[in-house]
């Protein structure tokens, strides 16, 4: 039986308490996340885009979010979209794929580079959804903290998924495989 779903895109400031509870509980369950999403005015989560797929009973069946991320590569700055926290709650029904394809359309429509990190077990899923893959790409990213210290990937490696735009960042990353990408947002 096919389940009808509807996509809702909201800024963090517009998430209901119930939506926040579901998102935070599933982030903890799936990723062992210790951070809590709390959209406070002027805070990081306030304007972040949340993609929520709901069924005909208005039940959340999948969700994800996009971050604005500033990167530096070979001395040049880039503002990209970071794909994060894609979770399909009601699995095996195509909700994750539908949500991913909707996010892909959004990213392509605004013509920004989109980058995400994934466990290698999910790489083929993203490839089938039309994303480019940089194998072991997370090893190339470094987070620059407030003290200007570069921090390596603490998760032990994974692949990078991407959607390329006209900014040329992905082409540069692929052309210079030994150079590190500097992020001003910790592994999103």
Protein backbone atom coordinates (compact mmCIF):
# COMPACT_ATOMS: atom_id res chain seq x y z
CA UNK A 1 0.00 0.00 0.00
CA UNK A 2 1.38 3.38 -1.02
CA UNK A 3 1.46 6.06 1.67
CA UNK A 4 0.81 9.63 0.56
CA UNK A 5 3.31 12.07 1.96
CA UNK A 6 3.79 15.80 1.93
CA UNK A 7 6.97 17.83 2.26
CA UNK A 8 7.10 20.77 4.62
CA UNK A 9 10.12 23.10 4.75
CA UNK A 10 10.42 25.22 7.88
CA UNK A 11 12.98 27.44 9.50
CA UNK A 12 13.95 26.31 12.97
CA UNK A 13 12.09 29.20 14.57
CA UNK A 14 8.83 27.79 13.17
CA UNK A 15 9.21 24.23 14.47
CA UNK A 16 6.61 23.15 17.00
CA UNK A 17 7.59 21.71 20.37
CA UNK A 18 6.33 18.32 19.20
CA UNK A 19 8.46 18.47 16.02
CA UNK A 20 11.52 19.46 18.03
CA UNK A 21 10.94 16.59 20.45
CA UNK A 22 10.70 14.07 17.59
CA UNK A 23 13.77 15.47 15.80
CA UNK A 24 15.90 15.57 18.97
CA UNK A 25 14.83 12.08 20.09
CA UNK A 26 15.63 10.55 16.69
CA UNK A 27 18.98 12.38 16.43
CA UNK A 28 19.91 10.88 19.79
CA UNK A 29 18.71 7.42 18.74
CA UNK A 30 20.35 7.39 15.29
CA UNK A 31 23.56 9.32 15.89
CA UNK A 32 23.93 9.25 19.66
CA UNK A 33 23.76 13.03 19.42
CA UNK A 34 24.26 14.81 22.70
CA UNK A 35 23.39 18.26 21.33
CA UNK A 36 19.83 19.52 21.46
CA UNK A 37 18.28 21.57 18.69
CA UNK A 38 16.90 24.70 20.35
CA UNK A 39 15.91 27.42 17.91
CA UNK A 40 16.61 30.56 19.92
CA UNK A 41 16.42 34.00 18.31
CA UNK A 42 19.86 34.84 16.94
CA UNK A 43 21.08 31.28 17.57
CA UNK A 44 22.39 28.75 15.08
CA UNK A 45 19.13 26.82 14.68
CA UNK A 46 16.88 29.86 14.27
CA UNK A 47 17.01 30.18 10.45
CA UNK A 48 18.26 26.71 9.56
CA UNK A 49 16.06 24.90 7.01
CA UNK A 50 14.30 21.74 8.18
CA UNK A 51 12.79 19.40 5.60
CA UNK A 52 9.99 17.34 7.11
CA UNK A 53 8.08 14.61 5.32
CA UNK A 54 4.68 13.88 6.85
CA UNK A 55 2.10 11.21 6.10
CA UNK A 56 -1.67 11.66 5.64
CA UNK A 57 -2.08 11.67 9.44
CA UNK A 58 0.45 14.51 9.81
CA UNK A 59 2.93 12.09 11.39
CA UNK A 60 6.61 12.78 10.67
CA UNK A 61 8.03 9.89 8.63
CA UNK A 62 11.40 11.45 7.68
CA UNK A 63 13.32 14.67 8.25
CA UNK A 64 16.62 16.39 7.49
CA UNK A 65 18.18 19.83 7.70
CA UNK A 66 20.43 22.16 5.74
CA UNK A 67 23.09 24.38 7.29
CA UNK A 68 24.84 27.39 5.83
CA UNK A 69 28.51 26.45 6.04
CA UNK A 70 31.58 28.55 5.33
CA UNK A 71 34.52 26.63 3.90
CA UNK A 72 38.00 27.57 2.79
CA UNK A 73 39.91 25.72 0.13
CA UNK A 74 43.28 26.76 -1.29
CA UNK A 75 42.87 30.15 0.39
CA UNK A 76 39.47 30.92 -1.17
CA UNK A 77 36.22 31.18 0.81
CA UNK A 78 33.01 29.40 -0.13
CA UNK A 79 29.50 29.45 1.33
CA UNK A 80 27.79 26.10 0.81
CA UNK A 81 24.85 24.13 2.14
CA UNK A 82 25.66 21.32 4.54
CA UNK A 83 23.28 18.36 4.39
CA UNK A 84 22.67 16.96 7.84
CA UNK A 85 20.62 14.63 9.97
CA UNK A 86 18.69 12.81 7.28
CA UNK A 87 16.58 10.28 9.17
CA UNK A 88 13.80 8.07 7.87
CA UNK A 89 11.61 7.12 10.82
CA UNK A 90 9.23 4.88 8.90
CA UNK A 91 11.75 2.79 7.00
CA UNK A 92 11.51 0.69 3.87
CA UNK A 93 8.80 2.80 2.26
CA UNK A 94 10.89 5.20 0.16
CA UNK A 95 10.53 8.17 2.52
CA UNK A 96 14.28 8.74 2.84
CA UNK A 97 14.68 8.71 -0.92
CA UNK A 98 11.76 11.07 -1.47
CA UNK A 99 13.10 13.48 1.14
CA UNK A 100 16.63 13.32 -0.30
CA UNK A 101 15.38 14.02 -3.83
CA UNK A 102 13.34 17.00 -2.58
CA UNK A 103 16.41 18.42 -0.82
CA UNK A 104 18.43 17.86 -3.98
CA UNK A 105 15.87 19.87 -6.02
CA UNK A 106 15.99 22.68 -3.46
CA UNK A 107 19.81 22.84 -3.47
CA UNK A 108 19.94 22.83 -7.27
CA UNK A 109 17.22 25.50 -7.50
CA UNK A 110 19.20 27.94 -5.36
CA UNK A 111 22.41 26.92 -7.17
CA UNK A 112 24.67 26.38 -4.18
CA UNK A 113 27.12 23.58 -3.63
CA UNK A 114 25.72 20.98 -1.22
CA UNK A 115 28.02 18.79 0.86
CA UNK A 116 27.24 16.09 3.40
CA UNK A 117 29.06 13.35 5.25
CA UNK A 118 27.86 9.77 5.28
CA UNK A 119 28.66 6.40 6.68
CA UNK A 120 29.99 4.14 3.92
CA UNK A 121 26.94 1.90 4.28
CA UNK A 122 24.82 4.77 2.90
CA UNK A 123 27.07 5.79 0.01
CA UNK A 124 25.23 3.77 -2.63
CA UNK A 125 21.88 5.23 -1.51
CA UNK A 126 23.15 8.76 -2.17
CA UNK A 127 24.77 7.73 -5.45
CA UNK A 128 21.40 6.35 -6.63
CA UNK A 129 19.82 9.69 -5.65
CA UNK A 130 22.25 11.47 -8.00
CA UNK A 131 24.88 12.75 -5.59
CA UNK A 132 28.58 12.73 -6.35
CA UNK A 133 30.80 10.81 -3.94
CA UNK A 134 34.28 11.52 -2.60
CA UNK A 135 35.42 8.21 -1.08
CA UNK A 136 36.93 8.70 2.39
CA UNK A 137 36.32 12.41 1.86
CA UNK A 138 35.72 13.19 5.53
CA UNK A 139 39.46 12.66 6.10
CA UNK A 140 40.07 15.75 3.96
CA UNK A 141 37.99 18.08 6.11
CA UNK A 142 39.37 20.03 9.07
CA UNK A 143 37.35 22.11 11.48
CA UNK A 144 38.90 25.43 12.49
CA UNK A 145 37.73 26.32 15.98
CA UNK A 146 37.58 29.75 17.63
CA UNK A 147 41.23 29.44 18.70
CA UNK A 148 42.30 28.84 15.06
CA UNK A 149 43.13 25.22 15.87
CA UNK A 150 42.49 22.66 13.12
CA UNK A 151 40.66 19.56 14.30
CA UNK A 152 40.55 16.26 12.38
CA UNK A 153 37.43 14.21 11.75
CA UNK A 154 36.66 12.57 15.11
CA UNK A 155 34.35 9.95 13.55
CA UNK A 156 37.04 7.88 11.86
CA UNK A 157 36.30 8.52 8.23
CA UNK A 158 33.41 8.26 5.87
CA UNK A 159 32.44 9.41 2.44
CA UNK A 160 31.50 12.90 1.32
CA UNK A 161 28.37 13.34 -0.76
CA UNK A 162 27.97 16.42 -2.91
CA UNK A 163 25.95 18.39 -5.42
CA UNK A 164 28.09 20.70 -7.50
CA UNK A 165 27.23 24.30 -8.38
CA UNK A 166 28.85 26.99 -10.48
CA UNK A 167 31.17 28.06 -7.62
CA UNK A 168 33.76 25.49 -8.77
CA UNK A 169 34.52 24.18 -5.26
CA UNK A 170 33.95 20.50 -6.02
CA UNK A 171 36.06 20.66 -9.17
CA UNK A 172 38.87 22.23 -7.13
CA UNK A 173 38.58 19.62 -4.36
CA UNK A 174 38.71 16.79 -6.89
CA UNK A 175 41.62 18.39 -8.78
CA UNK A 176 43.70 18.78 -5.60
CA UNK A 177 43.21 15.47 -3.75
CA UNK A 178 45.98 16.06 -1.20
CA UNK A 179 44.71 19.44 0.02
CA UNK A 180 42.52 19.84 3.10
CA UNK A 181 39.16 21.62 3.20
CA UNK A 182 38.80 24.00 6.14
CA UNK A 183 35.36 24.26 7.71
CA UNK A 184 34.22 26.91 10.15
CA UNK A 185 31.42 24.60 11.32
CA UNK A 186 32.25 21.38 13.10
CA UNK A 187 31.23 18.18 11.27
CA UNK A 188 27.65 19.10 10.47
